[in-house]
């Protein structure tokens, strides 16, 4: 390992703890400003953690592990998307930070947000198996994207939280697709952040174990 690796690994551990803090915030807040702050925090401290791990281990017996760290990052679609997202955000400022507001859903295609009083009738939905099912008729009231009554019963609707809308990242080297397309958009950012967090914890554990075998 590099001379002074003990302090570098301590710094890497602190950066990883920041990632964990922001993951927790990302899962608990629904305010636009705080959502984007948490997401940006995850990405920024993720990259800093990896940089510190690389710095500590890029010499001596641990160099092969250090090189493998980058290979894993490049070969894992979620880790690579997070890395490219952070790099892109650090250099481009024109991109719209889009969010989806709180909403009430009926079926797969009716979504109502804000304060509304809507009358629904004669709506049908086709399921994955091709079956056609009728959606409930009646009046639906919403308050700030929350169910607020009406003749349509509460158990006939789904409430969606305010969430970040992730988009594919375009850089000079290519286009990096949002990796977890099967996950509902409401959960995509959190799922990516949790994956990054778990990977960093595992890599820190590995790096710490190597210190007992390194004679630098």
N, C-alpha and C. Protein backbone atom coordinates (compact mmCIF):
# COMPACT_ATOMS: atom_id res chain seq x y z
N UNK A 1 0.83 -1.20 0.00
CA UNK A 1 0.00 0.00 0.00
C UNK A 1 0.87 1.25 0.00
N UNK A 2 0.27 2.34 -0.33
CA UNK A 2 0.97 3.60 -0.37
C UNK A 2 1.36 4.05 1.04
N UNK A 3 2.49 4.73 1.15
CA UNK A 3 2.89 5.26 2.44
C UNK A 3 1.81 6.21 2.98
N UNK A 4 1.48 6.06 4.24
CA UNK A 4 0.43 6.87 4.84
C UNK A 4 -0.97 6.37 4.57
N UNK A 5 -1.06 5.09 4.15
CA UNK A 5 -2.37 4.55 3.77
C UNK A 5 -3.36 4.53 4.93
N UNK A 6 -2.88 4.46 6.16
CA UNK A 6 -3.80 4.40 7.30
C UNK A 6 -4.72 5.62 7.34
N UNK A 7 -4.11 6.79 7.18
CA UNK A 7 -4.92 8.01 7.22
C UNK A 7 -5.83 8.11 6.00
N UNK A 8 -5.34 7.66 4.86
CA UNK A 8 -6.16 7.71 3.64
C UNK A 8 -7.38 6.81 3.79
N UNK A 9 -7.19 5.62 4.36
CA UNK A 9 -8.31 4.72 4.57
C UNK A 9 -9.31 5.28 5.57
N UNK A 10 -8.81 5.99 6.57
CA UNK A 10 -9.73 6.65 7.52
C UNK A 10 -10.59 7.68 6.79
N UNK A 11 -9.97 8.40 5.88
CA UNK A 11 -10.71 9.39 5.11
C UNK A 11 -11.73 8.71 4.18
N UNK A 12 -11.31 7.58 3.61
CA UNK A 12 -12.24 6.82 2.75
C UNK A 12 -13.45 6.35 3.55
N UNK A 13 -13.18 5.90 4.78
CA UNK A 13 -14.27 5.44 5.63
C UNK A 13 -15.23 6.59 5.97
N UNK A 14 -14.68 7.77 6.21
CA UNK A 14 -15.52 8.91 6.52
C UNK A 14 -16.38 9.30 5.31
N UNK A 15 -15.78 9.26 4.12
CA UNK A 15 -16.54 9.56 2.91
C UNK A 15 -17.68 8.56 2.72
N UNK A 16 -17.40 7.29 3.00
CA UNK A 16 -18.43 6.26 2.89
C UNK A 16 -19.56 6.48 3.90
N UNK A 17 -19.20 6.98 5.07
CA UNK A 17 -20.23 7.29 6.07
C UNK A 17 -21.13 8.42 5.60
N UNK A 18 -20.55 9.38 4.88
CA UNK A 18 -21.37 10.45 4.31
C UNK A 18 -22.37 9.87 3.30
N UNK A 19 -21.90 8.90 2.51
CA UNK A 19 -22.80 8.24 1.56
C UNK A 19 -23.98 7.63 2.30
N UNK A 20 -23.70 6.90 3.39
CA UNK A 20 -24.77 6.28 4.18
C UNK A 20 -25.73 7.33 4.72
N UNK A 21 -25.20 8.47 5.16
CA UNK A 21 -26.05 9.54 5.69
C UNK A 21 -27.00 10.05 4.61
N UNK A 22 -26.48 10.25 3.42
CA UNK A 22 -27.31 10.78 2.34
C UNK A 22 -28.31 9.74 1.83
N UNK A 23 -27.94 8.46 1.87
CA UNK A 23 -28.90 7.41 1.51
C UNK A 23 -30.09 7.45 2.46
N UNK A 24 -29.80 7.60 3.73
CA UNK A 24 -30.87 7.69 4.73
C UNK A 24 -31.76 8.90 4.47
N UNK A 25 -31.13 10.03 4.13
CA UNK A 25 -31.90 11.24 3.84
C UNK A 25 -32.75 11.06 2.58
N UNK A 26 -32.18 10.39 1.58
CA UNK A 26 -32.89 10.16 0.33
C UNK A 26 -34.15 9.32 0.55
N UNK A 27 -34.09 8.42 1.51
CA UNK A 27 -35.23 7.53 1.77
C UNK A 27 -36.28 8.19 2.66
N UNK A 28 -35.95 9.31 3.29
CA UNK A 28 -36.84 9.88 4.30
C UNK A 28 -37.43 11.23 3.94
N UNK A 29 -36.93 11.87 2.87
CA UNK A 29 -37.40 13.21 2.55
C UNK A 29 -38.16 13.22 1.23
N UNK A 30 -39.09 14.14 1.10
CA UNK A 30 -39.89 14.23 -0.13
C UNK A 30 -39.96 15.68 -0.63
N UNK A 31 -39.05 16.51 -0.15
CA UNK A 31 -38.98 17.89 -0.61
C UNK A 31 -37.97 17.97 -1.74
N UNK A 32 -38.33 18.65 -2.82
CA UNK A 32 -37.49 18.67 -4.02
C UNK A 32 -36.04 19.04 -3.73
N UNK A 33 -35.84 20.14 -3.04
CA UNK A 33 -34.47 20.61 -2.77
C UNK A 33 -33.67 19.58 -1.99
N UNK A 34 -34.31 18.98 -0.98
CA UNK A 34 -33.61 18.00 -0.15
C UNK A 34 -33.38 16.68 -0.89
N UNK A 35 -34.31 16.32 -1.75
CA UNK A 35 -34.12 15.11 -2.55
C UNK A 35 -32.89 15.24 -3.43
N UNK A 36 -32.76 16.38 -4.12
CA UNK A 36 -31.61 16.55 -5.01
C UNK A 36 -30.31 16.71 -4.23
N UNK A 37 -30.39 17.33 -3.06
CA UNK A 37 -29.19 17.45 -2.22
C UNK A 37 -28.71 16.06 -1.78
N UNK A 38 -29.64 15.21 -1.39
CA UNK A 38 -29.28 13.86 -0.95
C UNK A 38 -28.70 13.05 -2.10
N UNK A 39 -29.33 13.11 -3.26
CA UNK A 39 -28.84 12.37 -4.43
C UNK A 39 -27.45 12.85 -4.83
N UNK A 40 -27.26 14.17 -4.88
CA UNK A 40 -25.95 14.71 -5.22
C UNK A 40 -24.90 14.32 -4.18
N UNK A 41 -25.31 14.29 -2.91
CA UNK A 41 -24.39 13.89 -1.85
C UNK A 41 -23.94 12.45 -1.99
N UNK A 42 -24.86 11.57 -2.32
CA UNK A 42 -24.50 10.17 -2.54
C UNK A 42 -23.47 10.05 -3.65
N UNK A 43 -23.74 10.70 -4.78
CA UNK A 43 -22.84 10.60 -5.93
C UNK A 43 -21.47 11.18 -5.63
N UNK A 44 -21.44 12.35 -5.01
CA UNK A 44 -20.17 13.04 -4.76
C UNK A 44 -19.28 12.24 -3.81
N UNK A 45 -19.85 11.79 -2.71
CA UNK A 45 -19.03 11.08 -1.71
C UNK A 45 -18.72 9.65 -2.14
N UNK A 46 -19.54 9.09 -3.00
CA UNK A 46 -19.22 7.79 -3.61
C UNK A 46 -17.92 7.89 -4.40
N UNK A 47 -17.83 8.89 -5.27
CA UNK A 47 -16.63 9.06 -6.09
C UNK A 47 -15.41 9.36 -5.21
N UNK A 48 -15.60 10.16 -4.18
CA UNK A 48 -14.48 10.48 -3.28
C UNK A 48 -14.03 9.25 -2.50
N UNK A 49 -14.96 8.40 -2.11
CA UNK A 49 -14.58 7.17 -1.40
C UNK A 49 -13.73 6.28 -2.28
N UNK A 50 -14.16 6.10 -3.52
CA UNK A 50 -13.41 5.26 -4.46
C UNK A 50 -12.02 5.86 -4.71
N UNK A 51 -11.95 7.17 -4.87
CA UNK A 51 -10.66 7.82 -5.10
C UNK A 51 -9.71 7.60 -3.92
N UNK A 52 -10.24 7.70 -2.70
CA UNK A 52 -9.40 7.48 -1.52
C UNK A 52 -8.96 6.03 -1.42
N UNK A 53 -9.86 5.11 -1.71
CA UNK A 53 -9.48 3.69 -1.69
C UNK A 53 -8.39 3.41 -2.71
N UNK A 54 -8.54 3.97 -3.88
CA UNK A 54 -7.52 3.80 -4.91
C UNK A 54 -6.18 4.39 -4.47
N UNK A 55 -6.23 5.57 -3.90
CA UNK A 55 -5.00 6.25 -3.47
C UNK A 55 -4.26 5.44 -2.42
N UNK A 56 -4.99 4.82 -1.52
CA UNK A 56 -4.36 4.06 -0.45
C UNK A 56 -3.76 2.74 -0.94
N UNK A 57 -4.32 2.19 -2.01
CA UNK A 57 -3.98 0.80 -2.37
C UNK A 57 -3.31 0.65 -3.73
N UNK A 58 -2.89 1.75 -4.36
CA UNK A 58 -2.40 1.63 -5.73
C UNK A 58 -0.90 1.32 -5.82
N UNK A 59 -0.29 0.93 -4.71
CA UNK A 59 1.11 0.55 -4.72
C UNK A 59 1.30 -0.74 -3.92
N UNK A 60 2.37 -1.47 -4.24
CA UNK A 60 2.71 -2.67 -3.49
C UNK A 60 1.78 -3.84 -3.78
N UNK A 61 1.64 -4.71 -2.79
CA UNK A 61 0.86 -5.93 -2.97
C UNK A 61 -0.62 -5.66 -3.23
N UNK A 62 -1.10 -4.52 -2.84
CA UNK A 62 -2.52 -4.22 -2.97
C UNK A 62 -2.88 -3.62 -4.33
N UNK A 63 -1.88 -3.44 -5.22
CA UNK A 63 -2.17 -2.78 -6.50
C UNK A 63 -3.16 -3.57 -7.34
N UNK A 64 -3.05 -4.88 -7.32
CA UNK A 64 -3.98 -5.70 -8.11
C UNK A 64 -5.42 -5.50 -7.63
N UNK A 65 -5.57 -5.40 -6.32
CA UNK A 65 -6.90 -5.15 -5.76
C UNK A 65 -7.40 -3.77 -6.19
N UNK A 66 -6.50 -2.79 -6.17
CA UNK A 66 -6.85 -1.42 -6.56
C UNK A 66 -7.31 -1.37 -8.01
N UNK A 67 -6.59 -2.06 -8.87
CA UNK A 67 -6.98 -2.10 -10.28
C UNK A 67 -8.32 -2.81 -10.45
N UNK A 68 -8.55 -3.86 -9.66
CA UNK A 68 -9.80 -4.58 -9.72
C UNK A 68 -10.98 -3.74 -9.26
N UNK A 69 -10.72 -2.81 -8.36
CA UNK A 69 -11.76 -1.91 -7.88
C UNK A 69 -12.36 -1.12 -9.04
N UNK A 70 -11.50 -0.60 -9.90
CA UNK A 70 -11.96 0.18 -11.05
C UNK A 70 -12.66 -0.72 -12.06
N UNK A 71 -12.15 -1.94 -12.25
CA UNK A 71 -12.81 -2.86 -13.18
C UNK A 71 -14.24 -3.16 -12.72
N UNK A 72 -14.40 -3.38 -11.42
CA UNK A 72 -15.73 -3.64 -10.88
C UNK A 72 -16.64 -2.44 -11.12
N UNK A 73 -16.12 -1.28 -10.90
CA UNK A 73 -16.91 -0.06 -11.08
C UNK A 73 -17.36 0.09 -12.53
N UNK A 74 -16.47 -0.22 -13.46
CA UNK A 74 -16.80 -0.08 -14.88
C UNK A 74 -17.76 -1.16 -15.36
N UNK A 75 -17.67 -2.37 -14.78
CA UNK A 75 -18.48 -3.49 -15.25
C UNK A 75 -19.84 -3.60 -14.58
N UNK A 76 -20.03 -2.85 -13.52
CA UNK A 76 -21.32 -2.86 -12.83
C UNK A 76 -22.16 -1.70 -13.36
N UNK A 77 -23.28 -1.96 -14.06
CA UNK A 77 -24.06 -0.88 -14.66
C UNK A 77 -24.54 0.17 -13.65
N UNK A 78 -24.87 -0.26 -12.44
CA UNK A 78 -25.36 0.70 -11.44
C UNK A 78 -24.22 1.57 -10.94
N UNK A 79 -23.08 0.97 -10.63
CA UNK A 79 -21.93 1.75 -10.16
C UNK A 79 -21.45 2.71 -11.24
N UNK A 80 -21.45 2.25 -12.48
CA UNK A 80 -20.97 3.10 -13.57
C UNK A 80 -21.94 4.25 -13.84
N UNK A 81 -23.24 3.97 -13.76
CA UNK A 81 -24.22 5.05 -13.95
C UNK A 81 -24.06 6.11 -12.88
N UNK A 82 -23.86 5.69 -11.64
CA UNK A 82 -23.69 6.64 -10.55
C UNK A 82 -22.43 7.48 -10.76
N UNK A 83 -21.36 6.84 -11.19
CA UNK A 83 -20.11 7.56 -11.44
C UNK A 83 -20.28 8.57 -12.57
N UNK A 84 -20.89 8.14 -13.66
CA UNK A 84 -21.07 9.03 -14.81
C UNK A 84 -22.04 10.16 -14.47
N UNK A 85 -23.03 9.88 -13.65
CA UNK A 85 -23.99 10.92 -13.24
C UNK A 85 -23.29 12.01 -12.45
N UNK A 86 -22.42 11.60 -11.55
CA UNK A 86 -21.68 12.60 -10.76
C UNK A 86 -20.75 13.41 -11.63
N UNK A 87 -20.04 12.75 -12.53
CA UNK A 87 -19.09 13.44 -13.40
C UNK A 87 -19.83 14.40 -14.32
N UNK A 88 -20.96 13.96 -14.83
CA UNK A 88 -21.75 14.80 -15.73
C UNK A 88 -22.28 16.03 -14.99
N UNK A 89 -22.79 15.81 -13.78
CA UNK A 89 -23.34 16.92 -12.99
C UNK A 89 -22.28 17.94 -12.62
N UNK A 90 -21.02 17.48 -12.49
CA UNK A 90 -19.94 18.38 -12.09
C UNK A 90 -19.50 19.30 -13.23
N UNK A 91 -19.89 18.96 -14.47
CA UNK A 91 -19.42 19.73 -15.62
C UNK A 91 -20.55 20.39 -16.42
N UNK A 92 -21.77 19.92 -16.23
CA UNK A 92 -22.89 20.45 -17.01
C UNK A 92 -23.92 21.03 -16.05
N UNK A 93 -24.35 22.25 -16.32
CA UNK A 93 -25.26 22.92 -15.40
C UNK A 93 -26.62 23.24 -16.03
N UNK A 94 -26.79 22.89 -17.31
CA UNK A 94 -28.02 23.25 -18.00
C UNK A 94 -29.13 22.22 -17.83
N UNK A 95 -28.80 21.03 -17.38
CA UNK A 95 -29.79 19.96 -17.28
C UNK A 95 -30.89 20.27 -16.27
N UNK A 96 -32.12 19.93 -16.62
CA UNK A 96 -33.25 20.17 -15.74
C UNK A 96 -33.29 19.12 -14.64
N UNK A 97 -33.43 19.55 -13.40
CA UNK A 97 -33.55 18.64 -12.27
C UNK A 97 -35.04 18.32 -12.09
N UNK A 98 -35.45 17.27 -12.74
CA UNK A 98 -36.88 16.97 -12.81
C UNK A 98 -37.33 16.09 -11.65
N UNK A 99 -38.51 16.38 -11.17
CA UNK A 99 -39.13 15.54 -10.14
C UNK A 99 -40.57 15.26 -10.55
N UNK A 100 -41.11 14.21 -9.97
CA UNK A 100 -42.53 13.90 -10.16
C UNK A 100 -43.25 14.21 -8.86
N UNK A 101 -44.32 15.01 -8.92
CA UNK A 101 -45.00 15.41 -7.69
C UNK A 101 -45.76 14.25 -7.05
N UNK A 102 -46.17 14.44 -5.81
CA UNK A 102 -47.06 13.48 -5.18
C UNK A 102 -48.29 13.29 -6.05
N UNK A 103 -48.77 12.07 -6.13
CA UNK A 103 -49.93 11.83 -6.98
C UNK A 103 -50.74 10.65 -6.48
N UNK A 104 -51.97 10.61 -6.95
CA UNK A 104 -52.88 9.50 -6.68
C UNK A 104 -53.11 8.77 -8.00
N UNK A 105 -52.95 7.46 -7.99
CA UNK A 105 -53.10 6.68 -9.22
C UNK A 105 -54.28 5.73 -9.11
N UNK A 106 -54.94 5.56 -10.23
CA UNK A 106 -55.96 4.53 -10.37
C UNK A 106 -55.57 3.71 -11.59
N UNK A 107 -55.30 2.44 -11.38
CA UNK A 107 -54.81 1.62 -12.48
C UNK A 107 -53.41 2.02 -12.88
N UNK A 108 -53.08 1.79 -14.15
CA UNK A 108 -51.72 2.06 -14.61
C UNK A 108 -51.57 3.36 -15.38
N UNK A 109 -52.68 4.06 -15.62
CA UNK A 109 -52.54 5.22 -16.50
C UNK A 109 -53.23 6.48 -16.00
N UNK A 110 -54.04 6.40 -14.99
CA UNK A 110 -54.68 7.61 -14.46
C UNK A 110 -53.89 8.09 -13.26
N UNK A 111 -53.33 9.28 -13.36
CA UNK A 111 -52.52 9.85 -12.29
C UNK A 111 -52.97 11.29 -12.06
N UNK A 112 -53.28 11.63 -10.82
CA UNK A 112 -53.80 12.96 -10.49
C UNK A 112 -52.95 13.56 -9.37
N UNK A 113 -52.45 14.77 -9.58
CA UNK A 113 -51.63 15.45 -8.57
C UNK A 113 -52.27 16.78 -8.18
N UNK A 114 -51.67 17.43 -7.19
CA UNK A 114 -52.17 18.73 -6.78
C UNK A 114 -53.50 18.65 -6.05
N UNK A 115 -54.26 19.73 -6.15
CA UNK A 115 -55.59 19.80 -5.54
C UNK A 115 -56.63 19.67 -6.65
N UNK A 116 -57.35 18.57 -6.63
CA UNK A 116 -58.25 18.29 -7.75
C UNK A 116 -59.58 17.72 -7.27
N UNK A 117 -60.58 17.90 -8.15
CA UNK A 117 -61.88 17.26 -7.97
C UNK A 117 -62.25 16.71 -9.33
N UNK A 118 -62.09 15.41 -9.49
CA UNK A 118 -62.19 14.79 -10.81
C UNK A 118 -63.30 13.75 -10.82
N UNK A 119 -64.07 13.75 -11.90
CA UNK A 119 -65.09 12.73 -12.10
C UNK A 119 -64.58 11.73 -13.13
N UNK A 120 -64.56 10.47 -12.78
CA UNK A 120 -64.06 9.41 -13.66
C UNK A 120 -65.18 8.46 -14.03
N UNK A 121 -65.21 8.05 -15.27
CA UNK A 121 -66.23 7.10 -15.70
C UNK A 121 -65.78 6.36 -16.95
N UNK A 122 -66.21 5.13 -17.04
CA UNK A 122 -66.01 4.31 -18.24
C UNK A 122 -64.54 4.16 -18.62
N UNK A 123 -63.68 3.94 -17.62
CA UNK A 123 -62.26 3.70 -17.87
C UNK A 123 -61.94 2.23 -17.67
N UNK A 124 -61.11 1.69 -18.57
CA UNK A 124 -60.75 0.28 -18.50
C UNK A 124 -59.24 0.13 -18.61
N UNK A 125 -58.74 -0.97 -18.06
CA UNK A 125 -57.31 -1.22 -18.06
C UNK A 125 -57.05 -2.64 -18.58
N UNK A 126 -56.03 -2.76 -19.41
CA UNK A 126 -55.62 -4.07 -19.92
C UNK A 126 -54.43 -4.55 -19.12
N UNK A 127 -54.54 -5.71 -18.49
CA UNK A 127 -53.48 -6.27 -17.67
C UNK A 127 -52.43 -6.97 -18.49
N UNK A 128 -51.32 -7.38 -17.85
CA UNK A 128 -50.23 -8.09 -18.56
C UNK A 128 -50.71 -9.36 -19.25
N UNK A 129 -51.76 -9.97 -18.70
CA UNK A 129 -52.28 -11.21 -19.30
C UNK A 129 -53.31 -10.95 -20.39
N UNK A 130 -53.54 -9.67 -20.70
CA UNK A 130 -54.50 -9.32 -21.74
C UNK A 130 -55.92 -9.14 -21.26
N UNK A 131 -56.16 -9.40 -20.00
CA UNK A 131 -57.51 -9.23 -19.47
C UNK A 131 -57.86 -7.75 -19.33
N UNK A 132 -59.11 -7.46 -19.62
CA UNK A 132 -59.60 -6.09 -19.50
C UNK A 132 -60.40 -5.96 -18.20
N UNK A 133 -60.04 -5.00 -17.39
CA UNK A 133 -60.76 -4.78 -16.13
C UNK A 133 -61.26 -3.34 -16.09
N UNK A 134 -62.44 -3.16 -15.52
CA UNK A 134 -63.04 -1.84 -15.43
C UNK A 134 -62.55 -1.13 -14.18
N UNK A 135 -62.18 0.13 -14.34
CA UNK A 135 -61.75 0.93 -13.20
C UNK A 135 -62.98 1.58 -12.55
N UNK A 136 -62.87 1.92 -11.28
CA UNK A 136 -64.04 2.45 -10.57
C UNK A 136 -64.50 3.80 -11.13
N UNK A 137 -65.81 3.97 -11.15
CA UNK A 137 -66.40 5.25 -11.55
C UNK A 137 -66.68 6.08 -10.30
N UNK A 138 -66.72 7.40 -10.48
CA UNK A 138 -67.09 8.26 -9.37
C UNK A 138 -66.24 9.50 -9.31
N UNK A 139 -66.30 10.17 -8.16
CA UNK A 139 -65.58 11.41 -7.93
C UNK A 139 -64.36 11.13 -7.05
N UNK A 140 -63.24 11.73 -7.44
CA UNK A 140 -62.01 11.59 -6.66
C UNK A 140 -61.49 12.97 -6.30
N UNK A 141 -61.31 13.21 -5.02
CA UNK A 141 -60.76 14.47 -4.54
C UNK A 141 -59.32 14.25 -4.07
N UNK A 142 -58.43 15.18 -4.42
CA UNK A 142 -57.04 15.11 -3.95
C UNK A 142 -56.64 16.43 -3.33
N UNK A 143 -55.76 16.34 -2.37
CA UNK A 143 -55.20 17.52 -1.69
C UNK A 143 -53.69 17.36 -1.64
N UNK A 144 -52.97 18.21 -2.42
CA UNK A 144 -51.52 18.11 -2.52
C UNK A 144 -51.09 16.70 -2.91
N UNK A 145 -51.80 16.14 -3.88
CA UNK A 145 -51.45 14.82 -4.39
C UNK A 145 -51.79 13.68 -3.46
N UNK A 146 -52.66 13.93 -2.48
CA UNK A 146 -53.07 12.91 -1.53
C UNK A 146 -54.57 12.67 -1.65
N UNK A 147 -54.98 11.45 -1.42
CA UNK A 147 -56.40 11.12 -1.44
C UNK A 147 -57.14 11.93 -0.38
N UNK A 148 -58.20 12.63 -0.80
CA UNK A 148 -58.94 13.49 0.12
C UNK A 148 -60.43 13.20 0.12
N UNK A 149 -60.79 12.03 -0.39
CA UNK A 149 -62.20 11.66 -0.35
C UNK A 149 -62.84 11.60 -1.72
N UNK A 150 -64.18 11.55 -1.71
CA UNK A 150 -64.94 11.39 -2.92
C UNK A 150 -65.72 10.08 -2.88
N UNK A 151 -66.38 9.75 -3.97
CA UNK A 151 -67.17 8.52 -4.01
C UNK A 151 -66.33 7.30 -4.38
N UNK A 152 -65.15 7.53 -4.95
CA UNK A 152 -64.24 6.42 -5.21
C UNK A 152 -63.54 6.06 -3.90
N UNK A 153 -63.61 4.81 -3.47
CA UNK A 153 -63.07 4.45 -2.15
C UNK A 153 -61.55 4.53 -2.08
N UNK A 154 -61.04 4.73 -0.88
CA UNK A 154 -59.60 4.86 -0.65
C UNK A 154 -58.84 3.62 -1.10
N UNK A 155 -59.40 2.44 -0.90
CA UNK A 155 -58.67 1.22 -1.25
C UNK A 155 -58.60 0.97 -2.76
N UNK A 156 -59.23 1.84 -3.56
CA UNK A 156 -59.19 1.69 -5.02
C UNK A 156 -58.08 2.52 -5.65
N UNK A 157 -57.34 3.29 -4.83
CA UNK A 157 -56.30 4.16 -5.36
C UNK A 157 -54.95 3.84 -4.73
N UNK A 158 -53.91 4.28 -5.42
CA UNK A 158 -52.54 4.18 -4.91
C UNK A 158 -51.97 5.59 -4.78
N UNK A 159 -51.24 5.83 -3.71
CA UNK A 159 -50.59 7.12 -3.52
C UNK A 159 -49.10 6.99 -3.84
N UNK A 160 -48.61 7.89 -4.66
CA UNK A 160 -47.19 7.92 -5.02
C UNK A 160 -46.53 9.13 -4.38
N UNK A 161 -45.35 8.93 -3.82
CA UNK A 161 -44.63 10.03 -3.20
C UNK A 161 -43.94 10.88 -4.26
N UNK A 162 -43.57 12.07 -3.87
CA UNK A 162 -42.73 12.97 -4.66
C UNK A 162 -41.37 12.27 -4.86
N UNK A 163 -40.86 12.21 -6.08
CA UNK A 163 -39.58 11.51 -6.28
C UNK A 163 -38.78 12.12 -7.43
N UNK A 164 -37.48 11.82 -7.42
CA UNK A 164 -36.59 12.28 -8.48
C UNK A 164 -36.85 11.49 -9.75
N UNK A 165 -36.77 12.16 -10.87
CA UNK A 165 -36.88 11.49 -12.16
C UNK A 165 -35.48 11.37 -12.74
N UNK A 166 -34.95 10.16 -12.77
CA UNK A 166 -33.61 9.94 -13.32
C UNK A 166 -33.68 9.84 -14.83
N UNK A 167 -32.66 10.35 -15.49
CA UNK A 167 -32.58 10.30 -16.94
C UNK A 167 -31.25 9.70 -17.36
N UNK A 168 -31.21 9.20 -18.60
CA UNK A 168 -29.96 8.69 -19.15
C UNK A 168 -28.93 9.82 -19.17
N UNK A 169 -27.68 9.46 -18.93
CA UNK A 169 -26.60 10.44 -18.88
C UNK A 169 -25.81 10.41 -20.19
N UNK A 170 -25.67 11.57 -20.82
CA UNK A 170 -24.94 11.66 -22.07
C UNK A 170 -23.61 12.37 -21.83
N UNK A 171 -22.52 11.71 -22.21
CA UNK A 171 -21.19 12.29 -22.11
C UNK A 171 -20.48 12.15 -23.44
N UNK A 172 -19.28 12.67 -23.53
CA UNK A 172 -18.50 12.54 -24.77
C UNK A 172 -18.19 11.09 -25.11
N UNK A 173 -18.11 10.26 -24.07
CA UNK A 173 -17.74 8.86 -24.30
C UNK A 173 -18.93 7.94 -24.54
N UNK A 174 -20.15 8.47 -24.43
CA UNK A 174 -21.29 7.61 -24.69
C UNK A 174 -22.53 8.02 -23.92
N UNK A 175 -23.52 7.13 -23.97
CA UNK A 175 -24.78 7.33 -23.26
C UNK A 175 -24.89 6.26 -22.20
N UNK A 176 -25.17 6.67 -20.98
CA UNK A 176 -25.25 5.76 -19.85
C UNK A 176 -26.71 5.68 -19.41
N UNK A 177 -27.31 4.52 -19.66
CA UNK A 177 -28.73 4.33 -19.42
C UNK A 177 -29.03 4.15 -17.94
N UNK A 178 -30.17 4.65 -17.50
CA UNK A 178 -30.63 4.36 -16.15
C UNK A 178 -30.69 2.83 -16.02
N UNK A 179 -29.95 2.24 -15.10
CA UNK A 179 -29.73 0.79 -15.11
C UNK A 179 -30.90 -0.07 -14.63
N UNK A 180 -31.72 0.44 -13.75
CA UNK A 180 -32.76 -0.40 -13.14
C UNK A 180 -34.14 -0.03 -13.68
N UNK A 181 -34.32 -0.28 -14.98
CA UNK A 181 -35.54 0.12 -15.66
C UNK A 181 -36.79 -0.60 -15.15
N UNK A 182 -36.62 -1.81 -14.60
CA UNK A 182 -37.77 -2.56 -14.12
C UNK A 182 -38.27 -2.05 -12.77
N UNK A 183 -37.45 -1.26 -12.10
CA UNK A 183 -37.85 -0.66 -10.83
C UNK A 183 -38.74 0.54 -11.10
N UNK A 184 -39.79 0.72 -10.30
CA UNK A 184 -40.64 1.89 -10.49
C UNK A 184 -39.80 3.16 -10.33
N UNK A 185 -40.02 4.16 -11.19
CA UNK A 185 -39.23 5.39 -11.11
C UNK A 185 -39.18 6.00 -9.72
N UNK A 186 -40.21 5.79 -8.92
CA UNK A 186 -40.24 6.32 -7.56
C UNK A 186 -39.10 5.77 -6.71
N UNK A 187 -38.63 4.56 -7.04
CA UNK A 187 -37.63 3.87 -6.21
C UNK A 187 -36.26 3.79 -6.87
N UNK A 188 -36.12 4.26 -8.10
CA UNK A 188 -34.86 4.05 -8.84
C UNK A 188 -33.66 4.70 -8.16
N UNK A 189 -33.78 5.97 -7.80
CA UNK A 189 -32.63 6.67 -7.20
C UNK A 189 -32.22 6.02 -5.89
N UNK A 190 -33.20 5.67 -5.07
CA UNK A 190 -32.89 5.05 -3.78
C UNK A 190 -32.25 3.68 -3.99
N UNK A 191 -32.74 2.91 -4.93
CA UNK A 191 -32.17 1.59 -5.19
C UNK A 191 -30.71 1.70 -5.63
N UNK A 192 -30.42 2.66 -6.50
CA UNK A 192 -29.04 2.88 -6.95
C UNK A 192 -28.17 3.31 -5.77
N UNK A 193 -28.67 4.23 -4.97
CA UNK A 193 -27.90 4.74 -3.82
C UNK A 193 -27.60 3.62 -2.83
N UNK A 194 -28.56 2.75 -2.58
CA UNK A 194 -28.34 1.65 -1.65
C UNK A 194 -27.33 0.65 -2.19
N UNK A 195 -27.36 0.40 -3.49
CA UNK A 195 -26.39 -0.50 -4.12
C UNK A 195 -24.98 0.06 -3.98
N UNK A 196 -24.83 1.34 -4.27
CA UNK A 196 -23.53 2.02 -4.12
C UNK A 196 -23.05 1.93 -2.68
N UNK A 197 -23.93 2.20 -1.75
CA UNK A 197 -23.58 2.19 -0.33
C UNK A 197 -23.11 0.80 0.11
N UNK A 198 -23.81 -0.23 -0.29
CA UNK A 198 -23.44 -1.60 0.09
C UNK A 198 -22.10 -2.00 -0.52
N UNK A 199 -21.88 -1.60 -1.76
CA UNK A 199 -20.62 -1.94 -2.42
C UNK A 199 -19.45 -1.26 -1.73
N UNK A 200 -19.61 0.00 -1.38
CA UNK A 200 -18.53 0.73 -0.71
C UNK A 200 -18.19 0.09 0.64
N UNK A 201 -19.20 -0.32 1.38
CA UNK A 201 -18.95 -0.97 2.67
C UNK A 201 -18.16 -2.26 2.49
N UNK A 202 -18.52 -3.03 1.46
CA UNK A 202 -17.81 -4.29 1.20
C UNK A 202 -16.36 -4.02 0.81
N UNK A 203 -16.12 -3.00 -0.02
CA UNK A 203 -14.75 -2.68 -0.45
C UNK A 203 -13.91 -2.16 0.71
N UNK A 204 -14.51 -1.39 1.60
CA UNK A 204 -13.77 -0.91 2.78
C UNK A 204 -13.37 -2.07 3.67
N UNK A 205 -14.26 -3.02 3.84
CA UNK A 205 -13.94 -4.21 4.65
C UNK A 205 -12.77 -4.96 4.04
N UNK A 206 -12.76 -5.12 2.72
CA UNK A 206 -11.67 -5.82 2.04
C UNK A 206 -10.36 -5.06 2.22
N UNK A 207 -10.41 -3.74 2.05
CA UNK A 207 -9.20 -2.94 2.17
C UNK A 207 -8.60 -3.02 3.57
N UNK A 208 -9.47 -3.01 4.58
CA UNK A 208 -8.99 -3.09 5.96
C UNK A 208 -8.34 -4.45 6.23
N UNK A 209 -8.90 -5.50 5.66
CA UNK A 209 -8.32 -6.84 5.85
C UNK A 209 -6.93 -6.93 5.23
N UNK A 210 -6.71 -6.21 4.13
CA UNK A 210 -5.42 -6.27 3.46
C UNK A 210 -4.32 -5.60 4.28
N UNK A 211 -4.68 -4.69 5.15
CA UNK A 211 -3.65 -3.94 5.88
C UNK A 211 -2.80 -4.86 6.75
N UNK A 212 -3.36 -5.99 7.19
CA UNK A 212 -2.60 -6.91 8.02
C UNK A 212 -1.57 -7.69 7.24
N UNK A 213 -1.74 -7.72 5.90
CA UNK A 213 -0.81 -8.48 5.06
C UNK A 213 0.14 -7.59 4.27
N UNK A 214 -0.01 -6.28 4.47
CA UNK A 214 0.79 -5.35 3.68
C UNK A 214 1.99 -4.86 4.50
N UNK A 215 3.14 -4.96 3.92
CA UNK A 215 4.36 -4.52 4.62
C UNK A 215 4.96 -3.34 3.86
N UNK A 216 4.35 -2.21 4.03
CA UNK A 216 4.84 -0.99 3.35
C UNK A 216 5.35 -0.02 4.41
